[in-house]
PDB file of N, CA and C in Angstrom:
ATOM      1  N   MET A   1       0.515  -0.957  -0.076  1.00  0.00           N
ATOM      2  CA  MET A   1       0.062   0.196  -0.005  1.00  0.00           C
ATOM      3  C   MET A   1       0.891   1.190   0.312  1.00  0.00           C
ATOM      4  N   ASP A   2       1.968   1.276   0.294  1.00  0.00           N
ATOM      5  CA  ASP A   2       3.168   2.329   0.765  1.00  0.00           C
ATOM      6  C   ASP A   2       3.287   2.863  -0.905  1.00  0.00           C
ATOM      7  N   TYR A   3       3.892   1.615  -1.622  1.00  0.00           N
ATOM      8  CA  TYR A   3       4.513   2.202  -3.033  1.00  0.00           C
ATOM      9  C   TYR A   3       2.896   3.191  -3.446  1.00  0.00           C
ATOM     10  N   LEU A   4       1.750   2.205  -3.920  1.00  0.00           N
ATOM     11  CA  LEU A   4       0.761   3.161  -4.536  1.00  0.00           C
ATOM     12  C   LEU A   4       0.348   4.240  -3.911  1.00  0.00           C
ATOM     13  N   SER A   5       0.550   4.586  -2.223  1.00  0.00           N
ATOM     14  CA  SER A   5       0.148   6.543  -2.197  1.00  0.00           C
ATOM     15  C   SER A   5       0.729   6.790  -2.239  1.00  0.00           C
ATOM     16  N   ASN A   6       2.279   6.673  -2.693  1.00  0.00           N
ATOM     17  CA  ASN A   6       3.278   7.304  -4.111  1.00  0.00           C
ATOM     18  C   ASN A   6       2.526   8.228  -5.452  1.00  0.00           C
ATOM     19  N   PHE A   7       1.847   7.361  -5.275  1.00  0.00           N
ATOM     20  CA  PHE A   7       0.988   7.873  -6.789  1.00  0.00           C
ATOM     21  C   PHE A   7      -0.407   8.745  -6.065  1.00  0.00           C
ATOM     22  N   ILE A   8      -1.080   8.044  -5.455  1.00  0.00           N
ATOM     23  CA  ILE A   8      -2.415   8.368  -5.160  1.00  0.00           C
ATOM     24  C   ILE A   8      -2.538   9.133  -3.948  1.00  0.00           C
ATOM     25  N   LYS A   9      -3.345  10.076  -3.466  1.00  0.00           N
ATOM     26  CA  LYS A   9      -3.134  10.381  -2.453  1.00  0.00           C
ATOM     27  C   LYS A   9      -3.402   9.061  -1.260  1.00  0.00           C
ATOM     28  N   PRO A  10      -3.610   9.154   0.105  1.00  0.00           N
ATOM     29  CA  PRO A  10      -3.989   8.124   0.806  1.00  0.00           C
ATOM     30  C   PRO A  10      -6.148   8.619   0.817  1.00  0.00           C
ATOM     31  N   GLU A  11      -6.268   9.710   0.940  1.00  0.00           N
ATOM     32  CA  GLU A  11      -7.287   9.959   1.450  1.00  0.00           C
ATOM     33  C   GLU A  11      -8.370   9.829   0.067  1.00  0.00           C
ATOM     34  N   LEU A  12      -8.029   9.441  -0.960  1.00  0.00           N
ATOM     35  CA  LEU A  12      -8.525   9.508  -2.134  1.00  0.00           C
ATOM     36  C   LEU A  12      -8.579   7.900  -2.568  1.00  0.00           C
ATOM     37  N   LEU A  13      -8.105   6.896  -1.710  1.00  0.00           N
ATOM     38  CA  LEU A  13      -8.020   5.563  -2.031  1.00  0.00           C
ATOM     39  C   LEU A  13      -8.876   5.303  -2.735  1.00  0.00           C
ATOM     40  N   VAL A  14      -9.997   5.610  -1.565  1.00  0.00           N
ATOM     41  CA  VAL A  14     -11.585   5.384  -1.359  1.00  0.00           C
ATOM     42  C   VAL A  14     -11.849   5.431  -2.280  1.00  0.00           C
ATOM     43  N   LEU A  15     -11.705   6.063  -3.609  1.00  0.00           N
ATOM     44  CA  LEU A  15     -12.355   5.909  -4.781  1.00  0.00           C
ATOM     45  C   LEU A  15     -12.200   5.242  -5.374  1.00  0.00           C
ATOM     46  N   ILE A  16     -11.279   4.753  -5.708  1.00  0.00           N
ATOM     47  CA  ILE A  16     -11.158   2.786  -6.167  1.00  0.00           C
ATOM     48  C   ILE A  16     -12.058   1.478  -6.014  1.00  0.00           C
ATOM     49  N   PRO A  17     -12.495   1.663  -4.998  1.00  0.00           N
ATOM     50  CA  PRO A  17     -13.572   0.757  -4.481  1.00  0.00           C
ATOM     51  C   PRO A  17     -14.569   1.549  -4.904  1.00  0.00           C
ATOM     52  N   VAL A  18     -14.746   2.628  -5.149  1.00  0.00           N
ATOM     53  CA  VAL A  18     -16.212   3.466  -5.591  1.00  0.00           C
ATOM     54  C   VAL A  18     -16.542   3.443  -6.497  1.00  0.00           C
ATOM     55  N   LEU A  19     -15.247   3.538  -7.521  1.00  0.00           N
ATOM     56  CA  LEU A  19     -15.416   3.253  -8.872  1.00  0.00           C
ATOM     57  C   LEU A  19     -15.338   1.677  -9.533  1.00  0.00           C
ATOM     58  N   TYR A  20     -15.056   1.473  -8.909  1.00  0.00           N
ATOM     59  CA  TYR A  20     -15.651  -0.503  -9.277  1.00  0.00           C
ATOM     60  C   TYR A  20     -16.673  -0.934  -9.312  1.00  0.00           C
ATOM     61  N   ILE A  21     -17.330  -0.071  -8.123  1.00  0.00           N
ATOM     62  CA  ILE A  21     -18.858  -0.375  -7.895  1.00  0.00           C
ATOM     63  C   ILE A  21     -19.140   0.484  -9.169  1.00  0.00           C
ATOM     64  N   ALA A  22     -19.305   1.308  -9.473  1.00  0.00           N
ATOM     65  CA  ALA A  22     -19.894   2.139  -9.902  1.00  0.00           C
ATOM     66  C   ALA A  22     -19.764   1.465 -11.363  1.00  0.00           C
ATOM     67  N   GLY A  23     -18.607   0.517 -11.752  1.00  0.00           N
ATOM     68  CA  GLY A  23     -18.510   0.133 -13.276  1.00  0.00           C
ATOM     69  C   GLY A  23     -19.360  -0.878 -12.951  1.00  0.00           C
ATOM     70  N   ALA A  24     -19.482  -1.783 -12.472  1.00  0.00           N
ATOM     71  CA  ALA A  24     -20.212  -3.036 -11.923  1.00  0.00           C
ATOM     72  C   ALA A  24     -21.243  -2.362 -12.240  1.00  0.00           C
ATOM     73  N   GLY A  25     -21.752  -1.742 -11.821  1.00  0.00           N
ATOM     74  CA  GLY A  25     -23.493  -1.183 -12.000  1.00  0.00           C
ATOM     75  C   GLY A  25     -23.797  -1.042 -13.527  1.00  0.00           C
ATOM     76  N   LEU A  26     -22.608   0.289 -13.542  1.00  0.00           N
ATOM     77  CA  LEU A  26     -22.782   0.392 -15.586  1.00  0.00           C
ATOM     78  C   LEU A  26     -22.728  -0.950 -16.031  1.00  0.00           C
ATOM     79  N   LYS A  27     -22.169  -1.625 -15.843  1.00  0.00           N
ATOM     80  CA  LYS A  27     -21.923  -2.780 -16.808  1.00  0.00           C
ATOM     81  C   LYS A  27     -23.221  -4.198 -16.593  1.00  0.00           C
ATOM     82  N   ARG A  28     -23.709  -4.023 -15.467  1.00  0.00           N
ATOM     83  CA  ARG A  28     -25.200  -4.291 -15.600  1.00  0.00           C
ATOM     84  C   ARG A  28     -25.900  -4.162 -15.968  1.00  0.00           C
ATOM     85  N   SER A  29     -26.365  -2.591 -16.178  1.00  0.00           N
ATOM     86  CA  SER A  29     -26.983  -1.729 -16.397  1.00  0.00           C
ATOM     87  C   SER A  29     -27.706  -1.902 -18.250  1.00  0.00           C
ATOM     88  N   GLN A  30     -26.377  -2.436 -18.611  1.00  0.00           N
ATOM     89  CA  GLN A  30     -26.074  -2.453 -20.285  1.00  0.00           C
ATOM     90  C   GLN A  30     -26.319  -1.182 -20.613  1.00  0.00           C
ATOM     91  N   SER A  31     -26.438   0.148 -20.213  1.00  0.00           N
ATOM     92  CA  SER A  31     -27.050   1.480 -20.744  1.00  0.00           C
ATOM     93  C   SER A  31     -25.702   2.209 -21.077  1.00  0.00           C
ATOM     94  N   PHE A  32     -24.264   1.255 -21.392  1.00  0.00           N
ATOM     95  CA  PHE A  32     -23.040   1.512 -21.845  1.00  0.00           C
ATOM     96  C   PHE A  32     -22.418   0.964 -22.380  1.00  0.00           C
ATOM     97  N   ALA A  33     -21.656   1.392 -23.023  1.00  0.00           N
ATOM     98  CA  ALA A  33     -20.571  -0.056 -24.075  1.00  0.00           C
ATOM     99  C   ALA A  33     -19.697  -0.642 -23.073  1.00  0.00           C
ATOM    100  N   ASP A  34     -19.520  -2.285 -23.146  1.00  0.00           N
ATOM    101  CA  ASP A  34     -17.953  -1.665 -22.737  1.00  0.00           C
ATOM    102  C   ASP A  34     -16.930  -1.349 -22.809  1.00  0.00           C
ATOM    103  N   ASN A  35     -16.673  -0.409 -24.002  1.00  0.00           N
ATOM    104  CA  ASN A  35     -15.668   0.168 -24.134  1.00  0.00           C
ATOM    105  C   ASN A  35     -15.339   1.516 -23.504  1.00  0.00           C
ATOM    106  N   ALA A  36     -16.983   2.131 -23.556  1.00  0.00           N
ATOM    107  CA  ALA A  36     -17.436   3.538 -22.728  1.00  0.00           C
ATOM    108  C   ALA A  36     -16.903   3.722 -20.913  1.00  0.00           C
ATOM    109  N   ILE A  37     -16.752   2.273 -20.520  1.00  0.00           N
ATOM    110  CA  ILE A  37     -17.144   2.121 -19.071  1.00  0.00           C
ATOM    111  C   ILE A  37     -15.754   3.105 -18.576  1.00  0.00           C
ATOM    112  N   PRO A  38     -14.601   2.224 -18.952  1.00  0.00           N
ATOM    113  CA  PRO A  38     -13.445   3.397 -18.755  1.00  0.00           C
ATOM    114  C   PRO A  38     -13.614   4.902 -19.066  1.00  0.00           C
ATOM    115  N   LEU A  39     -14.168   5.706 -19.739  1.00  0.00           N
ATOM    116  CA  LEU A  39     -13.859   6.784 -19.934  1.00  0.00           C
ATOM    117  C   LEU A  39     -14.971   7.268 -18.990  1.00  0.00           C
ATOM    118  N   VAL A  40     -16.510   6.427 -19.000  1.00  0.00           N
ATOM    119  CA  VAL A  40     -17.297   6.917 -18.009  1.00  0.00           C
ATOM    120  C   VAL A  40     -16.852   6.960 -16.162  1.00  0.00           C
ATOM    121  N   LEU A  41     -15.862   6.158 -16.332  1.00  0.00           N
ATOM    122  CA  LEU A  41     -14.992   6.225 -14.757  1.00  0.00           C
ATOM    123  C   LEU A  41     -14.248   7.309 -14.232  1.00  0.00           C
ATOM    124  N   GLY A  42     -13.905   7.515 -15.451  1.00  0.00           N
ATOM    125  CA  GLY A  42     -12.473   8.333 -15.572  1.00  0.00           C
ATOM    126  C   GLY A  42     -13.042   9.571 -15.521  1.00  0.00           C
ATOM    127  N   VAL A  43     -14.316  10.292 -16.021  1.00  0.00           N
ATOM    128  CA  VAL A  43     -14.805  11.113 -15.410  1.00  0.00           C
ATOM    129  C   VAL A  43     -15.688  11.623 -14.163  1.00  0.00           C
ATOM    130  N   CYS A  44     -15.969  10.384 -14.230  1.00  0.00           N
ATOM    131  CA  CYS A  44     -16.566  10.503 -12.313  1.00  0.00           C
ATOM    132  C   CYS A  44     -15.558  10.875 -11.970  1.00  0.00           C
ATOM    133  N   GLY A  45     -14.216   9.745 -11.467  1.00  0.00           N
ATOM    134  CA  GLY A  45     -13.034  10.075 -11.241  1.00  0.00           C
ATOM    135  C   GLY A  45     -12.423  11.548 -10.721  1.00  0.00           C
ATOM    136  N   VAL A  46     -12.548  12.139 -11.907  1.00  0.00           N
ATOM    137  CA  VAL A  46     -12.092  13.600 -12.290  1.00  0.00           C
ATOM    138  C   VAL A  46     -13.047  14.354 -11.402  1.00  0.00           C
ATOM    139  N   VAL A  47     -14.244  14.393 -11.590  1.00  0.00           N
ATOM    140  CA  VAL A  47     -15.154  14.793 -10.807  1.00  0.00           C
ATOM    141  C   VAL A  47     -15.200  14.938  -9.293  1.00  0.00           C
ATOM    142  N   LEU A  48     -15.237  13.212  -9.042  1.00  0.00           N
ATOM    143  CA  LEU A  48     -15.293  13.341  -7.128  1.00  0.00           C
ATOM    144  C   LEU A  48     -13.761  13.912  -6.269  1.00  0.00           C
ATOM    145  N   ALA A  49     -12.703  13.548  -7.570  1.00  0.00           N
ATOM    146  CA  ALA A  49     -11.622  14.000  -6.739  1.00  0.00           C
ATOM    147  C   ALA A  49     -11.939  15.738  -7.058  1.00  0.00           C
ATOM    148  N   LEU A  50     -12.230  15.897  -7.993  1.00  0.00           N
ATOM    149  CA  LEU A  50     -12.372  17.983  -7.968  1.00  0.00           C
ATOM    150  C   LEU A  50     -13.091  18.010  -7.080  1.00  0.00           C
ATOM    151  N   ALA A  51     -13.660  17.320  -6.539  1.00  0.00           N
ATOM    152  CA  ALA A  51     -14.665  17.731  -5.208  1.00  0.00           C
ATOM    153  C   ALA A  51     -13.970  17.684  -4.538  1.00  0.00           C
ATOM    154  N   TYR A  52     -13.576  16.815  -3.859  1.00  0.00           N
ATOM    155  CA  TYR A  52     -12.410  16.677  -2.636  1.00  0.00           C
ATOM    156  C   TYR A  52     -11.268  17.581  -2.578  1.00  0.00           C
ATOM    157  N   VAL A  53     -10.717  17.766  -3.741  1.00  0.00           N
ATOM    158  CA  VAL A  53      -9.842  18.807  -3.299  1.00  0.00           C
ATOM    159  C   VAL A  53     -10.251  20.030  -3.823  1.00  0.00           C
ATOM    160  N   LEU A  54     -11.820  20.568  -3.977  1.00  0.00           N
ATOM    161  CA  LEU A  54     -12.028  21.780  -3.765  1.00  0.00           C
ATOM    162  C   LEU A  54     -12.531  22.306  -2.077  1.00  0.00           C
ATOM    163  N   GLY A  55     -13.105  20.792  -1.921  1.00  0.00           N
ATOM    164  CA  GLY A  55     -13.655  21.151  -0.575  1.00  0.00           C
ATOM    165  C   GLY A  55     -12.117  21.300   0.448  1.00  0.00           C
ATOM    166  N   THR A  56     -11.654  20.381   0.296  1.00  0.00           N
ATOM    167  CA  THR A  56      -9.691  21.092   1.069  1.00  0.00           C
ATOM    168  C   THR A  56      -9.072  21.396   0.818  1.00  0.00           C
ATOM    169  N   SER A  57      -9.158  22.628  -0.278  1.00  0.00           N
ATOM    170  CA  SER A  57      -8.009  23.753  -0.077  1.00  0.00           C
ATOM    171  C   SER A  57      -8.795  24.940   0.018  1.00  0.00           C
ATOM    172  N   ALA A  58      -7.753  25.574  -0.090  1.00  0.00           N
ATOM    173  CA  ALA A  58      -8.175  27.271   0.856  1.00  0.00           C
ATOM    174  C   ALA A  58      -7.519  27.979  -0.699  1.00  0.00           C
ATOM    175  N   LEU A  59      -8.060  28.388  -2.179  1.00  0.00           N
ATOM    176  CA  LEU A  59      -7.618  28.467  -2.965  1.00  0.00           C
ATOM    177  C   LEU A  59      -7.760  29.834  -2.703  1.00  0.00           C
ATOM    178  N   SER A  60      -6.859  30.464  -3.310  1.00  0.00           N
ATOM    179  CA  SER A  60      -5.981  32.392  -2.910  1.00  0.00           C
ATOM    180  C   SER A  60      -6.318  33.117  -4.443  1.00  0.00           C
ATOM    181  N   GLY A  61      -5.640  31.608  -5.666  1.00  0.00           N
ATOM    182  CA  GLY A  61      -5.260  32.877  -6.574  1.00  0.00           C
ATOM    183  C   GLY A  61      -5.414  31.731  -7.951  1.00  0.00           C
ATOM    184  N   TRP A  62      -4.683  32.378  -8.711  1.00  0.00           N
ATOM    185  CA  TRP A  62      -5.041  31.357 -10.013  1.00  0.00           C
ATOM    186  C   TRP A  62      -4.152  30.357 -10.149  1.00  0.00           C
ATOM    187  N   ARG A  63      -3.142  30.443  -9.346  1.00  0.00           N
ATOM    188  CA  ARG A  63      -2.080  29.343  -9.495  1.00  0.00           C
ATOM    189  C   ARG A  63      -2.954  28.091  -8.910  1.00  0.00           C
ATOM    190  N   ASP A  64      -3.298  28.472  -7.477  1.00  0.00           N
ATOM    191  CA  ASP A  64      -3.870  27.716  -6.813  1.00  0.00           C
ATOM    192  C   ASP A  64      -5.300  26.916  -7.573  1.00  0.00           C
ATOM    193  N   VAL A  65      -6.295  27.553  -8.263  1.00  0.00           N
ATOM    194  CA  VAL A  65      -6.975  26.509  -8.803  1.00  0.00           C
ATOM    195  C   VAL A  65      -6.353  26.150  -9.843  1.00  0.00           C
ATOM    196  N   LEU A  66      -4.987  25.827 -10.794  1.00  0.00           N
ATOM    197  CA  LEU A  66      -4.442  25.875 -11.800  1.00  0.00           C
ATOM    198  C   LEU A  66      -4.288  24.197 -10.830  1.00  0.00           C
ATOM    199  N   ILE A  67      -3.477  24.112  -9.702  1.00  0.00           N
ATOM    200  CA  ILE A  67      -2.877  23.250  -9.111  1.00  0.00           C
ATOM    201  C   ILE A  67      -3.974  22.379  -8.725  1.00  0.00           C
ATOM    202  N   ALA A  68      -5.064  22.742  -8.048  1.00  0.00           N
ATOM    203  CA  ALA A  68      -6.637  21.861  -7.961  1.00  0.00           C
ATOM    204  C   ALA A  68      -6.989  21.179  -9.043  1.00  0.00           C
ATOM    205  N   ALA A  69      -6.958  21.806  -9.962  1.00  0.00           N
ATOM    206  CA  ALA A  69      -7.860  21.151 -11.177  1.00  0.00           C
ATOM    207  C   ALA A  69      -6.442  20.399 -11.521  1.00  0.00           C
ATOM    208  N   PHE A  70      -5.456  20.482 -11.909  1.00  0.00           N
ATOM    209  CA  PHE A  70      -4.348  19.116 -11.833  1.00  0.00           C
ATOM    210  C   PHE A  70      -4.366  18.454 -11.090  1.00  0.00           C
ATOM    211  N   THR A  71      -4.165  18.397  -9.553  1.00  0.00           N
ATOM    212  CA  THR A  71      -4.553  17.473  -9.086  1.00  0.00           C
ATOM    213  C   THR A  71      -5.930  16.560  -9.259  1.00  0.00           C
ATOM    214  N   ALA A  72      -6.980  17.147  -9.405  1.00  0.00           N
ATOM    215  CA  ALA A  72      -8.139  15.982  -9.784  1.00  0.00           C
ATOM    216  C   ALA A  72      -8.303  15.720 -11.047  1.00  0.00           C
ATOM    217  N   VAL A  73      -7.438  16.246 -11.873  1.00  0.00           N
ATOM    218  CA  VAL A  73      -7.900  15.652 -13.428  1.00  0.00           C
ATOM    219  C   VAL A  73      -6.474  14.225 -13.149  1.00  0.00           C
ATOM    220  N   THR A  74      -5.174  14.578 -12.284  1.00  0.00           N
ATOM    221  CA  THR A  74      -4.525  13.555 -11.970  1.00  0.00           C
ATOM    222  C   THR A  74      -5.326  12.181 -11.418  1.00  0.00           C
ATOM    223  N   GLN A  75      -5.189  12.556 -10.284  1.00  0.00           N
ATOM    224  CA  GLN A  75      -6.040  11.555  -9.086  1.00  0.00           C
ATOM    225  C   GLN A  75      -6.913  10.653  -9.563  1.00  0.00           C
ATOM    226  N   GLY A  76      -8.318  11.593 -10.045  1.00  0.00           N
ATOM    227  CA  GLY A  76      -8.887  10.601 -10.485  1.00  0.00           C
ATOM    228  C   GLY A  76      -9.110   9.997 -11.571  1.00  0.00           C
ATOM    229  N   ILE A  77      -7.946   9.982 -13.020  1.00  0.00           N
ATOM    230  CA  ILE A  77      -7.345   9.563 -13.901  1.00  0.00           C
ATOM    231  C   ILE A  77      -6.667   8.143 -12.964  1.00  0.00           C
ATOM    232  N   LEU A  78      -6.204   8.313 -12.378  1.00  0.00           N
ATOM    233  CA  LEU A  78      -5.188   7.094 -11.329  1.00  0.00           C
ATOM    234  C   LEU A  78      -5.886   6.698 -10.854  1.00  0.00           C
ATOM    235  N   CYS A  79      -7.363   6.891 -10.276  1.00  0.00           N
ATOM    236  CA  CYS A  79      -8.729   5.981  -9.334  1.00  0.00           C
ATOM    237  C   CYS A  79      -8.778   5.407 -10.583  1.00  0.00           C
ATOM    238  N   ALA A  80      -9.571   5.508 -11.532  1.00  0.00           N
ATOM    239  CA  ALA A  80     -10.563   5.295 -12.323  1.00  0.00           C
ATOM    240  C   ALA A  80      -9.548   4.058 -13.175  1.00  0.00           C
ATOM    241  N   GLY A  81      -7.779   4.250 -13.135  1.00  0.00           N
ATOM    242  CA  GLY A  81      -7.424   3.283 -13.801  1.00  0.00           C
ATOM    243  C   GLY A  81      -7.412   2.123 -13.225  1.00  0.00           C
ATOM    244  N   ALA A  82      -7.070   2.693 -11.484  1.00  0.00           N
ATOM    245  CA  ALA A  82      -6.661   1.453 -10.572  1.00  0.00           C
ATOM    246  C   ALA A  82      -7.469   1.054 -10.625  1.00  0.00           C
ATOM    247  N   SER A  83      -9.416   0.779 -10.791  1.00  0.00           N
ATOM    248  CA  SER A  83      -9.897   0.512 -10.895  1.00  0.00           C
ATOM    249  C   SER A  83     -10.476  -0.340 -12.031  1.00  0.00           C
ATOM    250  N   VAL A  84     -10.198   0.197 -12.917  1.00  0.00           N
ATOM    251  CA  VAL A  84     -10.480  -0.754 -14.088  1.00  0.00           C
ATOM    252  C   VAL A  84      -9.408  -1.881 -14.085  1.00  0.00           C
ATOM    253  N   TYR A  85      -8.103  -1.679 -13.308  1.00  0.00           N
ATOM    254  CA  TYR A  85      -7.227  -2.490 -13.313  1.00  0.00           C
ATOM    255  C   TYR A  85      -7.253  -3.936 -12.003  1.00  0.00           C
ATOM    256  N   VAL A  86      -7.991  -3.306 -11.022  1.00  0.00           N
ATOM    257  CA  VAL A  86      -8.407  -3.915 -10.668  1.00  0.00           C
ATOM    258  C   VAL A  86      -9.325  -5.424 -11.049  1.00  0.00           C
ATOM    259  N   ASN A  87     -10.457  -4.550 -11.722  1.00  0.00           N
ATOM    260  CA  ASN A  87     -11.592  -5.559 -12.583  1.00  0.00           C
ATOM    261  C   ASN A  87     -10.705  -6.149 -13.264  1.00  0.00           C
ATOM    262  N   GLN A  88      -9.788  -6.031 -13.987  1.00  0.00           N
ATOM    263  CA  GLN A  88      -8.759  -6.915 -15.252  1.00  0.00           C
ATOM    264  C   GLN A  88      -8.143  -7.985 -14.026  1.00  0.00           C
ATOM    265  N   LEU A  89      -7.722  -7.772 -12.844  1.00  0.00           N
ATOM    266  CA  LEU A  89      -7.349  -8.370 -11.919  1.00  0.00           C
ATOM    267  C   LEU A  89      -8.383  -9.684 -11.730  1.00  0.00           C
ATOM    268  N   ILE A  90      -9.583  -9.490 -11.499  1.00  0.00           N
ATOM    269  CA  ILE A  90     -10.350  -9.929 -11.427  1.00  0.00           C
ATOM    270  C   ILE A  90     -11.055 -10.885 -12.387  1.00  0.00           C
ATOM    271  N   LYS A  91     -11.074 -11.058 -13.047  1.00  0.00           N
ATOM    272  CA  LYS A  91     -11.661 -11.533 -14.607  1.00  0.00           C
ATOM    273  C   LYS A  91     -10.800 -12.430 -14.670  1.00  0.00           C
ATOM    274  N   GLN A  92      -9.402 -12.067 -14.916  1.00  0.00           N
ATOM    275  CA  GLN A  92      -7.952 -12.896 -15.413  1.00  0.00           C
ATOM    276  C   GLN A  92      -7.544 -13.932 -13.918  1.00  0.00           C
ATOM    277  N   ALA A  93      -8.635 -13.843 -12.733  1.00  0.00           N
ATOM    278  CA  ALA A  93      -8.157 -15.062 -11.832  1.00  0.00           C
ATOM    279  C   ALA A  93      -9.048 -15.941 -12.094  1.00  0.00           C
ATOM    280  N   GLU A  94     -10.109 -15.302 -12.554  1.00  0.00           N
ATOM    281  CA  GLU A  94     -11.537 -16.302 -13.106  1.00  0.00           C
ATOM    282  C   GLU A  94     -11.495 -17.439 -13.904  1.00  0.00           C
ATOM    283  N   LYS A  95     -10.308 -16.963 -14.580  1.00  0.00           N
ATOM    284  CA  LYS A  95      -9.877 -17.860 -15.998  1.00  0.00           C
ATOM    285  C   LYS A  95      -9.299 -19.108 -15.795  1.00  0.00           C
TER     286      LYS A  95
END
């Protein structure tokens, strides 16, 4: 877990299972094509990370806003990627 926290903020690690469950729900609903689910999870991850970053940051200038946006985008994409990776690990283990 220590290695993972070098890339994803520890407080945002909770997004990985949340996005995994959301992806499983999207898969079962069949309202999205399978190849669109990672994109939807990426957008959801960025939005949720942005909500956290904006809620915990004191933004005093345009530089702070840019740093918050960069942090939210990178953390959201990393969390979404990790959730898709976990999904693939589970699928491969079942084979």
